C-alpha atoms as a PDB file:
ATOM      1  CA  MET A   1      32.075 -33.705 -22.763  1.00  0.00           C
ATOM      2  CA  PHE A   2      32.153 -32.413 -19.251  1.00  0.00           C
ATOM      3  CA  ARG A   3      34.265 -29.378 -20.382  1.00  0.00           C
ATOM      4  CA  LYS A   4      31.896 -28.714 -23.420  1.00  0.00           C
ATOM      5  CA  ILE A   5      28.905 -29.135 -20.936  1.00  0.00           C
ATOM      6  CA  LEU A   6      30.774 -26.550 -18.320  1.00  0.00           C
ATOM      7  CA  ARG A   7      31.667 -24.428 -21.201  1.00  0.00           C
ATOM      8  CA  TRP A   8      27.645 -24.063 -22.016  1.00  0.00           C
ATOM      9  CA  ILE A   9      26.620 -23.667 -18.939  1.00  0.00           C
ATOM     10  CA  ALA A  10      29.243 -20.472 -18.204  1.00  0.00           C
ATOM     11  CA  ILE A  11      28.134 -18.892 -21.465  1.00  0.00           C
ATOM     12  CA  GLY A  12      24.138 -19.398 -20.062  1.00  0.00           C
ATOM     13  CA  LEU A  13      25.397 -17.729 -17.081  1.00  0.00           C
ATOM     14  CA  ILE A  14      27.060 -14.686 -18.773  1.00  0.00           C
ATOM     15  CA  ALA A  15      23.820 -14.416 -21.006  1.00  0.00           C
ATOM     16  CA  LEU A  16      21.402 -14.573 -18.132  1.00  0.00           C
ATOM     17  CA  VAL A  17      23.888 -11.593 -16.071  1.00  0.00           C
ATOM     18  CA  VAL A  18      23.777  -9.690 -19.282  1.00  0.00           C
ATOM     19  CA  LEU A  19      19.985  -9.908 -19.891  1.00  0.00           C
ATOM     20  CA  VAL A  20      19.549  -9.098 -15.997  1.00  0.00           C
ATOM     21  CA  ALA A  21      21.918  -6.437 -16.307  1.00  0.00           C
ATOM     22  CA  ALA A  22      19.815  -4.973 -19.447  1.00  0.00           C
ATOM     23  CA  ALA A  23      16.514  -5.298 -17.463  1.00  0.00           C
ATOM     24  CA  TYR A  24      18.125  -3.235 -14.615  1.00  0.00           C
ATOM     25  CA  PHE A  25      19.532  -0.464 -15.979  1.00  0.00           C
ATOM     26  CA  TRP A  26      16.300  -0.408 -18.460  1.00  0.00           C
ATOM     27  CA  ASP A  27      14.107  -0.415 -15.332  1.00  0.00           C
ATOM     28  CA  ILE A  28      16.490   2.408 -13.156  1.00  0.00           C
ATOM     29  CA  HIS A  29      16.347   4.819 -16.452  1.00  0.00           C
ATOM     30  CA  ARG A  30      12.467   4.595 -16.580  1.00  0.00           C
ATOM     31  CA  ALA A  31      12.539   5.166 -12.927  1.00  0.00           C
ATOM     32  CA  TYR A  32      14.461   8.118 -13.322  1.00  0.00           C
ATOM     33  CA  GLU A  33      12.925   9.134 -16.284  1.00  0.00           C
ATOM     34  CA  ARG A  34       9.514   9.211 -14.220  1.00  0.00           C
ATOM     35  CA  ILE A  35      10.249  11.275 -11.362  1.00  0.00           C
ATOM     36  CA  SER A  36      12.396  13.949 -13.745  1.00  0.00           C
ATOM     37  CA  GLY A  37      10.524  17.180 -14.059  1.00  0.00           C
ATOM     38  CA  LYS A  38       7.638  16.332 -12.463  1.00  0.00           C
ATOM     39  CA  SER A  39       7.577  18.474  -9.312  1.00  0.00           C
ATOM     40  CA  THR A  40       8.206  21.905  -8.122  1.00  0.00           C
ATOM     41  CA  VAL A  41      11.196  22.449  -5.118  1.00  0.00           C
ATOM     42  CA  ILE A  42      11.078  25.749  -2.782  1.00  0.00           C
ATOM     43  CA  PRO A  43      13.642  27.100  -0.654  1.00  0.00           C
ATOM     44  CA  SER A  44      13.254  27.215   2.995  1.00  0.00           C
ATOM     45  CA  SER A  45      14.343  27.564   6.603  1.00  0.00           C
ATOM     46  CA  TYR A  46      14.200  23.526   6.564  1.00  0.00           C
ATOM     47  CA  GLY A  47      16.293  23.084   3.639  1.00  0.00           C
ATOM     48  CA  ASP A  48      14.574  22.448  -0.186  1.00  0.00           C
ATOM     49  CA  ILE A  49      10.733  21.297  -0.323  1.00  0.00           C
ATOM     50  CA  GLU A  50       9.423  19.230  -3.084  1.00  0.00           C
ATOM     51  CA  TYR A  51       6.177  18.742  -3.888  1.00  0.00           C
ATOM     52  CA  THR A  52       3.242  18.385  -6.298  1.00  0.00           C
ATOM     53  CA  GLU A  53      -0.413  19.237  -6.362  1.00  0.00           C
ATOM     54  CA  GLY A  54      -3.240  18.445  -8.498  1.00  0.00           C
ATOM     55  CA  GLY A  55      -7.265  18.107  -8.430  1.00  0.00           C
ATOM     56  CA  ALA A  56      -9.919  20.534  -7.219  1.00  0.00           C
ATOM     57  CA  GLY A  57     -11.749  21.540  -4.025  1.00  0.00           C
ATOM     58  CA  PRO A  58     -10.919  21.153  -0.390  1.00  0.00           C
ATOM     59  CA  ALA A  59      -7.461  20.952   0.013  1.00  0.00           C
ATOM     60  CA  VAL A  60      -6.032  18.084   1.445  1.00  0.00           C
ATOM     61  CA  LEU A  61      -2.133  17.599   2.398  1.00  0.00           C
ATOM     62  CA  VAL A  62      -1.476  13.926   1.535  1.00  0.00           C
ATOM     63  CA  ILE A  63       1.866  12.619   3.290  1.00  0.00           C
ATOM     64  CA  HIS A  64       3.813   9.492   2.268  1.00  0.00           C
ATOM     65  CA  GLY A  65       5.118   6.482   3.391  1.00  0.00           C
ATOM     66  CA  SER A  66       9.183   5.144   4.065  1.00  0.00           C
ATOM     67  CA  GLY A  67      10.509   4.370   1.024  1.00  0.00           C
ATOM     68  CA  GLY A  68       7.974   7.073  -0.839  1.00  0.00           C
ATOM     69  CA  GLY A  69       8.279  10.465  -2.000  1.00  0.00           C
ATOM     70  CA  TYR A  70       6.167  13.187  -3.783  1.00  0.00           C
ATOM     71  CA  ASP A  71       4.556  10.279  -5.975  1.00  0.00           C
ATOM     72  CA  GLN A  72       3.721   7.711  -3.642  1.00  0.00           C
ATOM     73  CA  GLY A  73       1.435  10.541  -2.779  1.00  0.00           C
ATOM     74  CA  GLU A  74       0.527  11.000  -5.667  1.00  0.00           C
ATOM     75  CA  LEU A  75      -0.572   7.315  -6.195  1.00  0.00           C
ATOM     76  CA  LEU A  76      -2.334   7.300  -2.412  1.00  0.00           C
ATOM     77  CA  VAL A  77      -4.236  10.463  -3.922  1.00  0.00           C
ATOM     78  CA  GLN A  78      -5.094   7.680  -7.100  1.00  0.00           C
ATOM     79  CA  ALA A  79      -6.360   4.935  -4.511  1.00  0.00           C
ATOM     80  CA  VAL A  80      -8.190   6.355  -2.099  1.00  0.00           C
ATOM     81  CA  LEU A  81      -8.422   9.974  -2.175  1.00  0.00           C
ATOM     82  CA  GLY A  82      -9.616  11.021  -5.775  1.00  0.00           C
ATOM     83  CA  GLU A  83      -9.290  14.049  -7.482  1.00  0.00           C
ATOM     84  CA  HIS A  84     -12.621  16.040  -6.112  1.00  0.00           C
ATOM     85  CA  PHE A  85      -9.654  17.000  -3.783  1.00  0.00           C
ATOM     86  CA  HIS A  86      -7.266  20.059  -4.057  1.00  0.00           C
ATOM     87  CA  TRP A  87      -4.183  17.823  -2.843  1.00  0.00           C
ATOM     88  CA  ILE A  88      -0.764  18.561  -1.718  1.00  0.00           C
ATOM     89  CA  ALA A  89       1.995  15.856  -2.302  1.00  0.00           C
ATOM     90  CA  PRO A  90       5.094  17.048  -0.650  1.00  0.00           C
ATOM     91  CA  SER A  91       8.459  14.353  -0.184  1.00  0.00           C
ATOM     92  CA  ARG A  92       9.517  14.477   2.947  1.00  0.00           C
ATOM     93  CA  PHE A  93      12.931  15.109   4.206  1.00  0.00           C
ATOM     94  CA  GLY A  94      15.278  13.109   2.727  1.00  0.00           C
ATOM     95  CA  TYR A  95      13.321  11.984   0.009  1.00  0.00           C
ATOM     96  CA  LEU A  96      13.585  12.813  -3.859  1.00  0.00           C
ATOM     97  CA  ARG A  97      14.899  16.473  -3.895  1.00  0.00           C
ATOM     98  CA  SER A  98      13.472  17.684  -0.459  1.00  0.00           C
ATOM     99  CA  THR A  99      16.706  17.904   1.910  1.00  0.00           C
ATOM    100  CA  PHE A 100      17.796  16.541   4.587  1.00  0.00           C
ATOM    101  CA  HIS A 101      20.005  18.071   7.322  1.00  0.00           C
ATOM    102  CA  GLU A 102      21.538  16.177   9.904  1.00  0.00           C
ATOM    103  CA  GLY A 103      19.345  16.511  13.481  1.00  0.00           C
ATOM    104  CA  ALA A 104      16.245  16.946  11.489  1.00  0.00           C
ATOM    105  CA  THR A 105      13.135  15.863  13.614  1.00  0.00           C
ATOM    106  CA  PHE A 106       9.951  15.083  12.842  1.00  0.00           C
ATOM    107  CA  ASP A 107       8.915  18.514  14.587  1.00  0.00           C
ATOM    108  CA  ASP A 108      10.905  20.160  11.763  1.00  0.00           C
ATOM    109  CA  GLN A 109       8.894  18.122   9.029  1.00  0.00           C
ATOM    110  CA  ALA A 110       5.630  19.535  10.439  1.00  0.00           C
ATOM    111  CA  HIS A 111       6.700  23.269  10.254  1.00  0.00           C
ATOM    112  CA  ALA A 112       7.798  22.597   6.869  1.00  0.00           C
ATOM    113  CA  TYR A 113       4.609  21.642   5.993  1.00  0.00           C
ATOM    114  CA  ALA A 114       3.019  24.692   7.615  1.00  0.00           C
ATOM    115  CA  TYR A 115       5.833  26.510   5.427  1.00  0.00           C
ATOM    116  CA  LEU A 116       4.970  24.733   2.496  1.00  0.00           C
ATOM    117  CA  LEU A 117       1.387  25.604   2.902  1.00  0.00           C
ATOM    118  CA  ASP A 118       1.959  29.501   3.342  1.00  0.00           C
ATOM    119  CA  GLN A 119       3.638  29.467   0.237  1.00  0.00           C
ATOM    120  CA  LEU A 120       0.903  28.404  -1.363  1.00  0.00           C
ATOM    121  CA  GLY A 121      -1.548  30.011   0.487  1.00  0.00           C
ATOM    122  CA  PHE A 122      -3.406  27.341   1.839  1.00  0.00           C
ATOM    123  CA  LYS A 123      -4.835  28.050   5.370  1.00  0.00           C
ATOM    124  CA  HIS A 124      -6.442  24.863   6.865  1.00  0.00           C
ATOM    125  CA  VAL A 125      -5.990  21.315   5.108  1.00  0.00           C
ATOM    126  CA  ALA A 126      -7.236  17.639   6.159  1.00  0.00           C
ATOM    127  CA  VAL A 127      -4.516  15.683   6.246  1.00  0.00           C
ATOM    128  CA  VAL A 128      -4.062  12.135   4.753  1.00  0.00           C
ATOM    129  CA  ALA A 129      -0.939   9.968   6.112  1.00  0.00           C
ATOM    130  CA  LEU A 130       0.525   6.364   5.182  1.00  0.00           C
ATOM    131  CA  SER A 131       2.547   4.503   7.042  1.00  0.00           C
ATOM    132  CA  HIS A 132       5.614   6.462   8.358  1.00  0.00           C
ATOM    133  CA  GLY A 133       4.275   9.618   6.762  1.00  0.00           C
ATOM    134  CA  GLY A 134       2.548   9.319  10.325  1.00  0.00           C
ATOM    135  CA  PRO A 135       4.597  10.730  12.926  1.00  0.00           C
ATOM    136  CA  SER A 136       4.875  14.297  11.008  1.00  0.00           C
ATOM    137  CA  ALA A 137       1.508  14.204  10.392  1.00  0.00           C
ATOM    138  CA  LEU A 138       0.437  14.272  13.965  1.00  0.00           C
ATOM    139  CA  LEU A 139       2.876  16.521  15.036  1.00  0.00           C
ATOM    140  CA  PHE A 140       1.692  18.942  12.430  1.00  0.00           C
ATOM    141  CA  ALA A 141      -1.365  18.532  13.809  1.00  0.00           C
ATOM    142  CA  VAL A 142      -0.023  18.806  17.430  1.00  0.00           C
ATOM    143  CA  LEU A 143       1.772  22.392  16.436  1.00  0.00           C
ATOM    144  CA  HIS A 144      -0.160  24.096  14.086  1.00  0.00           C
ATOM    145  CA  PRO A 145      -3.878  22.846  15.236  1.00  0.00           C
ATOM    146  CA  GLU A 146      -5.667  25.782  13.754  1.00  0.00           C
ATOM    147  CA  ARG A 147      -4.618  24.437  10.328  1.00  0.00           C
ATOM    148  CA  VAL A 148      -6.037  21.044  10.496  1.00  0.00           C
ATOM    149  CA  SER A 149      -9.727  20.374   9.627  1.00  0.00           C
ATOM    150  CA  SER A 150      -9.227  16.705  10.080  1.00  0.00           C
ATOM    151  CA  LEU A 151      -6.718  14.018  10.308  1.00  0.00           C
ATOM    152  CA  THR A 152      -6.583  10.362   8.453  1.00  0.00           C
ATOM    153  CA  LEU A 153      -3.690   7.755   9.648  1.00  0.00           C
ATOM    154  CA  ILE A 154      -3.845   4.817   7.439  1.00  0.00           C
ATOM    155  CA  SER A 155      -1.252   2.360   8.878  1.00  0.00           C
ATOM    156  CA  CYS A 156       0.745   4.750  10.867  1.00  0.00           C
ATOM    157  CA  GLY A 157       3.644   4.752  12.837  1.00  0.00           C
ATOM    158  CA  VAL A 158       2.670   6.674  16.199  1.00  0.00           C
ATOM    159  CA  ALA A 159       4.407   5.255  19.552  1.00  0.00           C
ATOM    160  CA  SER A 160       7.354   3.429  20.278  1.00  0.00           C
ATOM    161  CA  SER A 161       7.162  -0.138  22.157  1.00  0.00           C
ATOM    162  CA  VAL A 162       9.081  -2.394  24.101  1.00  0.00           C
ATOM    163  CA  THR A 163       6.924  -5.872  22.689  1.00  0.00           C
ATOM    164  CA  GLN A 164       8.637  -8.962  20.934  1.00  0.00           C
ATOM    165  CA  ASP A 165       6.085  -7.267  18.063  1.00  0.00           C
ATOM    166  CA  GLN A 166       7.823  -4.353  17.563  1.00  0.00           C
ATOM    167  CA  ALA A 167      11.155  -5.560  18.139  1.00  0.00           C
ATOM    168  CA  GLN A 168      10.411  -7.680  15.179  1.00  0.00           C
ATOM    169  CA  ALA A 169       9.059  -4.982  13.215  1.00  0.00           C
ATOM    170  CA  ASN A 170      12.322  -2.546  13.993  1.00  0.00           C
ATOM    171  CA  GLN A 171      14.747  -5.662  12.759  1.00  0.00           C
ATOM    172  CA  LYS A 172      12.389  -5.229   9.550  1.00  0.00           C
ATOM    173  CA  GLY A 173      12.917  -1.773   9.431  1.00  0.00           C
ATOM    174  CA  ASP A 174      17.043  -2.220   9.806  1.00  0.00           C
ATOM    175  CA  MET A 175      16.323  -4.533   6.916  1.00  0.00           C
ATOM    176  CA  LEU A 176      14.556  -2.209   5.053  1.00  0.00           C
ATOM    177  CA  THR A 177      16.715   0.719   5.517  1.00  0.00           C
ATOM    178  CA  THR A 178      19.965  -1.420   4.243  1.00  0.00           C
ATOM    179  CA  ILE A 179      17.763  -2.623   0.793  1.00  0.00           C
ATOM    180  CA  TYR A 180      16.528   1.175   0.394  1.00  0.00           C
ATOM    181  CA  SER A 181      19.923   2.290   0.458  1.00  0.00           C
ATOM    182  CA  TYR A 182      21.469   0.772  -2.934  1.00  0.00           C
ATOM    183  CA  ASN A 183      19.130   0.761  -6.402  1.00  0.00           C
ATOM    184  CA  PRO A 184      20.492  -2.773  -7.541  1.00  0.00           C
ATOM    185  CA  LEU A 185      19.894  -4.508  -4.427  1.00  0.00           C
ATOM    186  CA  TYR A 186      16.253  -3.017  -4.212  1.00  0.00           C
ATOM    187  CA  TRP A 187      15.697  -3.550  -7.924  1.00  0.00           C
ATOM    188  CA  ALA A 188      16.916  -7.133  -7.549  1.00  0.00           C
ATOM    189  CA  ILE A 189      15.135  -7.752  -4.215  1.00  0.00           C
ATOM    190  CA  SER A 190      11.341  -6.364  -5.605  1.00  0.00           C
ATOM    191  CA  LYS A 191      11.754  -8.377  -8.805  1.00  0.00           C
ATOM    192  CA  LEU A 192      13.264 -11.278  -8.268  1.00  0.00           C
ATOM    193  CA  PHE A 193      11.927 -12.017  -4.620  1.00  0.00           C
ATOM    194  CA  LYS A 194       8.728 -10.232  -4.290  1.00  0.00           C
ATOM    195  CA  ARG A 195       6.931 -12.391  -2.561  1.00  0.00           C
ATOM    196  CA  GLN A 196       9.536 -12.502   0.393  1.00  0.00           C
ATOM    197  CA  PHE A 197       9.918  -8.759  -0.043  1.00  0.00           C
ATOM    198  CA  MET A 198       5.697  -8.365   0.444  1.00  0.00           C
ATOM    199  CA  GLU A 199       6.646 -10.369   3.564  1.00  0.00           C
ATOM    200  CA  LEU A 200       9.362  -8.092   4.895  1.00  0.00           C
ATOM    201  CA  MET A 201       6.892  -4.935   4.110  1.00  0.00           C
ATOM    202  CA  GLY A 202       4.298  -6.579   6.565  1.00  0.00           C
ATOM    203  CA  ALA A 203       2.041  -8.759   5.061  1.00  0.00           C
ATOM    204  CA  ASN A 204       1.950 -12.832   5.727  1.00  0.00           C
ATOM    205  CA  ASP A 205       1.371 -15.966   3.563  1.00  0.00           C
ATOM    206  CA  ALA A 206      -2.519 -15.726   3.693  1.00  0.00           C
ATOM    207  CA  ILE A 207      -2.547 -11.983   2.675  1.00  0.00           C
ATOM    208  CA  ILE A 208      -0.593 -12.582  -0.629  1.00  0.00           C
ATOM    209  CA  ALA A 209      -2.123 -15.775  -1.195  1.00  0.00           C
ATOM    210  CA  GLY A 210      -5.359 -13.813  -1.474  1.00  0.00           C
ATOM    211  CA  LEU A 211      -4.875 -11.156  -3.142  1.00  0.00           C
ATOM    212  CA  THR A 212      -6.677 -10.237  -6.345  1.00  0.00           C
ATOM    213  CA  PRO A 213      -5.685  -9.291  -9.633  1.00  0.00           C
ATOM    214  CA  GLU A 214      -6.711  -5.527  -8.792  1.00  0.00           C
ATOM    215  CA  GLN A 215      -5.043  -5.487  -5.531  1.00  0.00           C
ATOM    216  CA  ARG A 216      -1.590  -7.106  -6.800  1.00  0.00           C
ATOM    217  CA  GLU A 217      -1.193  -4.954  -9.362  1.00  0.00           C
ATOM    218  CA  LEU A 218      -1.682  -1.832  -7.156  1.00  0.00           C
ATOM    219  CA  ILE A 219       0.962  -3.061  -4.702  1.00  0.00           C
ATOM    220  CA  ASP A 220       3.019  -3.854  -7.463  1.00  0.00           C
ATOM    221  CA  LYS A 221       2.713  -0.120  -8.744  1.00  0.00           C
ATOM    222  CA  ILE A 222       3.674   0.210  -5.109  1.00  0.00           C
ATOM    223  CA  ILE A 223       6.909  -1.286  -4.862  1.00  0.00           C
ATOM    224  CA  ASP A 224       8.070  -0.520  -8.298  1.00  0.00           C
ATOM    225  CA  ASP A 225       7.613   3.036  -8.226  1.00  0.00           C
ATOM    226  CA  MET A 226       9.913   3.444  -5.341  1.00  0.00           C
ATOM    227  CA  ASN A 227      12.527   3.136  -7.641  1.00  0.00           C
ATOM    228  CA  PRO A 228      14.678   4.396  -7.687  1.00  0.00           C
ATOM    229  CA  VAL A 229      15.534   3.914  -3.678  1.00  0.00           C
ATOM    230  CA  SER A 230      18.848   5.797  -3.485  1.00  0.00           C
ATOM    231  CA  PRO A 231      17.110   9.291  -3.892  1.00  0.00           C
ATOM    232  CA  ARG A 232      15.061   8.218  -1.057  1.00  0.00           C
ATOM    233  CA  SER A 233      17.875   6.686   1.440  1.00  0.00           C
ATOM    234  CA  ALA A 234      18.528   9.415   3.647  1.00  0.00           C
ATOM    235  CA  GLY A 235      14.350  10.271   4.345  1.00  0.00           C
ATOM    236  CA  VAL A 236      14.134   5.980   4.944  1.00  0.00           C
ATOM    237  CA  ALA A 237      17.352   6.180   7.629  1.00  0.00           C
ATOM    238  CA  PHE A 238      15.980   9.215   9.123  1.00  0.00           C
ATOM    239  CA  ASP A 239      12.454   7.510   9.662  1.00  0.00           C
ATOM    240  CA  ASN A 240      14.078   4.607  11.037  1.00  0.00           C
ATOM    241  CA  LYS A 241      15.559   6.527  14.012  1.00  0.00           C
ATOM    242  CA  ALA A 242      13.643   9.541  14.541  1.00  0.00           C
ATOM    243  CA  LYS A 243      11.836   9.909  17.909  1.00  0.00           C
ATOM    244  CA  MET A 244       7.843   8.799  17.260  1.00  0.00           C
ATOM    245  CA  PRO A 245       5.432  11.150  18.993  1.00  0.00           C
ATOM    246  CA  ASN A 246       4.320   9.029  21.808  1.00  0.00           C
ATOM    247  CA  GLU A 247       2.300  10.676  24.074  1.00  0.00           C
ATOM    248  CA  ARG A 248       2.354  14.298  22.825  1.00  0.00           C
ATOM    249  CA  ILE A 249      -0.935  13.261  20.692  1.00  0.00           C
ATOM    250  CA  ALA A 250      -2.827  13.933  23.211  1.00  0.00           C
ATOM    251  CA  ALA A 251      -2.991  17.315  22.264  1.00  0.00           C
ATOM    252  CA  ILE A 252      -4.805  17.227  18.912  1.00  0.00           C
ATOM    253  CA  GLN A 253      -7.809  18.644  18.411  1.00  0.00           C
ATOM    254  CA  ALA A 254      -8.548  17.772  14.537  1.00  0.00           C
ATOM    255  CA  PRO A 255     -11.579  14.840  14.223  1.00  0.00           C
ATOM    256  CA  THR A 256      -9.017  11.754  13.841  1.00  0.00           C
ATOM    257  CA  LEU A 257      -9.570   8.323  11.582  1.00  0.00           C
ATOM    258  CA  ILE A 258      -7.415   5.492  11.935  1.00  0.00           C
ATOM    259  CA  PHE A 259      -7.018   2.460   9.662  1.00  0.00           C
ATOM    260  CA  HIS A 260      -5.175  -0.368  10.650  1.00  0.00           C
ATOM    261  CA  ALA A 261      -5.618  -3.915  10.021  1.00  0.00           C
ATOM    262  CA  THR A 262      -4.306  -6.329  13.680  1.00  0.00           C
ATOM    263  CA  ASP A 263      -2.117  -8.283  11.256  1.00  0.00           C
ATOM    264  CA  ASP A 264       0.269  -5.786  10.459  1.00  0.00           C
ATOM    265  CA  THR A 265       3.981  -6.687  11.406  1.00  0.00           C
ATOM    266  CA  LEU A 266       5.375  -3.467   9.969  1.00  0.00           C
ATOM    267  CA  GLN A 267       3.729  -0.921  11.912  1.00  0.00           C
ATOM    268  CA  ILE A 268       2.027  -2.885  14.558  1.00  0.00           C
ATOM    269  CA  PHE A 269      -1.562  -2.699  15.625  1.00  0.00           C
ATOM    270  CA  TYR A 270       0.032  -1.397  19.279  1.00  0.00           C
ATOM    271  CA  ASN A 271       0.108   1.903  16.947  1.00  0.00           C
ATOM    272  CA  ALA A 272      -3.620   2.269  15.998  1.00  0.00           C
ATOM    273  CA  GLU A 273      -4.896   1.538  19.851  1.00  0.00           C
ATOM    274  CA  PHE A 274      -2.653   3.956  21.278  1.00  0.00           C
ATOM    275  CA  ALA A 275      -3.793   6.566  18.580  1.00  0.00           C
ATOM    276  CA  ALA A 276      -7.475   5.700  19.318  1.00  0.00           C
ATOM    277  CA  SER A 277      -6.935   5.859  23.012  1.00  0.00           C
ATOM    278  CA  THR A 278      -4.694   8.818  22.968  1.00  0.00           C
ATOM    279  CA  ILE A 279      -6.608  11.069  20.937  1.00  0.00           C
ATOM    280  CA  PRO A 280      -9.530  12.745  22.252  1.00  0.00           C
ATOM    281  CA  GLY A 281     -12.936  11.740  20.113  1.00  0.00           C
ATOM    282  CA  ALA A 282     -10.434   9.322  17.466  1.00  0.00           C
ATOM    283  CA  LYS A 283     -12.251   6.911  15.419  1.00  0.00           C
ATOM    284  CA  LEU A 284     -10.160   3.384  14.906  1.00  0.00           C
ATOM    285  CA  VAL A 285     -11.932   1.571  11.827  1.00  0.00           C
ATOM    286  CA  ARG A 286     -10.125  -2.123  12.263  1.00  0.00           C
ATOM    287  CA  PHE A 287      -9.487  -4.577  10.199  1.00  0.00           C
ATOM    288  CA  GLU A 288      -8.414  -8.530  10.907  1.00  0.00           C
ATOM    289  CA  ARG A 289      -6.661  -9.010   7.964  1.00  0.00           C
ATOM    290  CA  GLY A 290      -4.363  -6.833   5.365  1.00  0.00           C
ATOM    291  CA  GLY A 291      -0.987  -6.422   7.243  1.00  0.00           C
ATOM    292  CA  HIS A 292       0.728  -3.672   5.873  1.00  0.00           C
ATOM    293  CA  LEU A 293      -0.365  -3.467   2.504  1.00  0.00           C
ATOM    294  CA  LEU A 294      -4.009  -2.623   4.266  1.00  0.00           C
ATOM    295  CA  MET A 295      -4.486   0.280   1.972  1.00  0.00           C
ATOM    296  CA  SER A 296      -4.468  -2.054  -1.240  1.00  0.00           C
ATOM    297  CA  VAL A 297      -6.225  -4.893   0.631  1.00  0.00           C
ATOM    298  CA  GLU A 298      -9.198  -2.741   2.011  1.00  0.00           C
ATOM    299  CA  GLN A 299      -9.043   0.054  -0.635  1.00  0.00           C
ATOM    300  CA  ALA A 300     -12.936   0.512  -1.263  1.00  0.00           C
ATOM    301  CA  THR A 301     -13.780   0.738   2.223  1.00  0.00           C
ATOM    302  CA  ILE A 302     -10.993   3.118   3.389  1.00  0.00           C
ATOM    303  CA  ARG A 303     -11.792   5.350   0.163  1.00  0.00           C
ATOM    304  CA  THR A 304     -15.495   5.774   0.869  1.00  0.00           C
ATOM    305  CA  VAL A 305     -14.988   5.831   5.127  1.00  0.00           C
ATOM    306  CA  MET A 306     -11.995   8.427   4.412  1.00  0.00           C
ATOM    307  CA  GLN A 307     -14.171  10.755   1.813  1.00  0.00           C
ATOM    308  CA  LYS A 308     -16.862  11.147   4.238  1.00  0.00           C
ATOM    309  CA  HIS A 309     -14.321  12.269   7.136  1.00  0.00           C
ATOM    310  CA  ILE A 310     -12.926  14.598   5.315  1.00  0.00           C
ATOM    311  CA  LEU A 311     -16.272  16.350   4.200  1.00  0.00           C
ATOM    312  CA  ASP A 312     -17.721  16.016   7.433  1.00  0.00           C
ATOM    313  CA  HIS A 313     -15.426  18.447   9.029  1.00  0.00           C
ATOM    314  CA  LEU A 314     -14.424  20.804   6.401  1.00  0.00           C
ATOM    315  CA  SER A 315     -13.627  23.977   7.400  1.00  0.00           C
ATOM    316  CA  GLU A 316     -15.793  27.484   6.772  1.00  0.00           C
ATOM    317  CA  GLU A 317     -13.247  27.632   3.706  1.00  0.00           C
ATOM    318  CA  PHE A 318     -14.444  25.105   1.709  1.00  0.00           C
ATOM    319  CA  PRO A 319     -18.034  24.238   2.794  1.00  0.00           C
ATOM    320  CA  GLN A 320     -19.190  22.288  -0.186  1.00  0.00           C
ATOM    321  CA  SER A 321     -19.674  18.445  -0.538  1.00  0.00           C
ATOM    322  CA  LEU A 322     -19.046  16.060  -3.288  1.00  0.00           C
END
């Protein structure tokens, strides 16, 4: 009897492994199909630059966060920007089909944005950045001030810090870098331990418990659409180690809008405070809850305030409004 029970347990475990493996290969196949053939790649002295574009109206450069790519930029457009703008969504260095070279810096990435805009024929753009898209967006505004009509930062990294909160955030960043290195590992953790993964992404229990179905749907899409992660792993590792802009952002001339939650445990609130106190005239919109999932939690507010910010500071190239 005992052997028979063990045999059925073994059969059950084997069946479970087969089902999980089948689900993994099905999901990863669909993920690679989703990102295949949707983008354009152009060569440059900084390596290949991948991007997509769409919409009509004032030009907006949309810069994705860690674990993203042009597809996360497109999701950012859908969530908070909308199609009343002509958006350009590049993949940053080391993401999907954009090249990463050893020794690259966020300065190089900023110059690559300028090259891309030159090829597309845009002199001026509004810039919207999410999470670790912040450093290169900030430096684009520093190095190419004449090209930036406005700058919007959503839960962005800005400056280095030696606080305990930053040390804990760094530990999370190291863990995420490891997870993003392997498709099976990311898939398993994000599917089987999604709540714990959201905590690792900078949201506490209270935020997760209070999500509406609509908010949860957007967060699930953000997490699921980071599959496959292997083509993004070089970019994640670069983000985790590259030097932050720090005090250099004092040179920014563009009108700057900052969205950040005080309970963000991945990009800590210090980043927002530093940016608001260092960038001349910067406006900080502070939220008491939302963590690093702020874009999903406060989607409607961010969308309304950000669109107004962009339209209020258009260059003469696009004088129209919505």
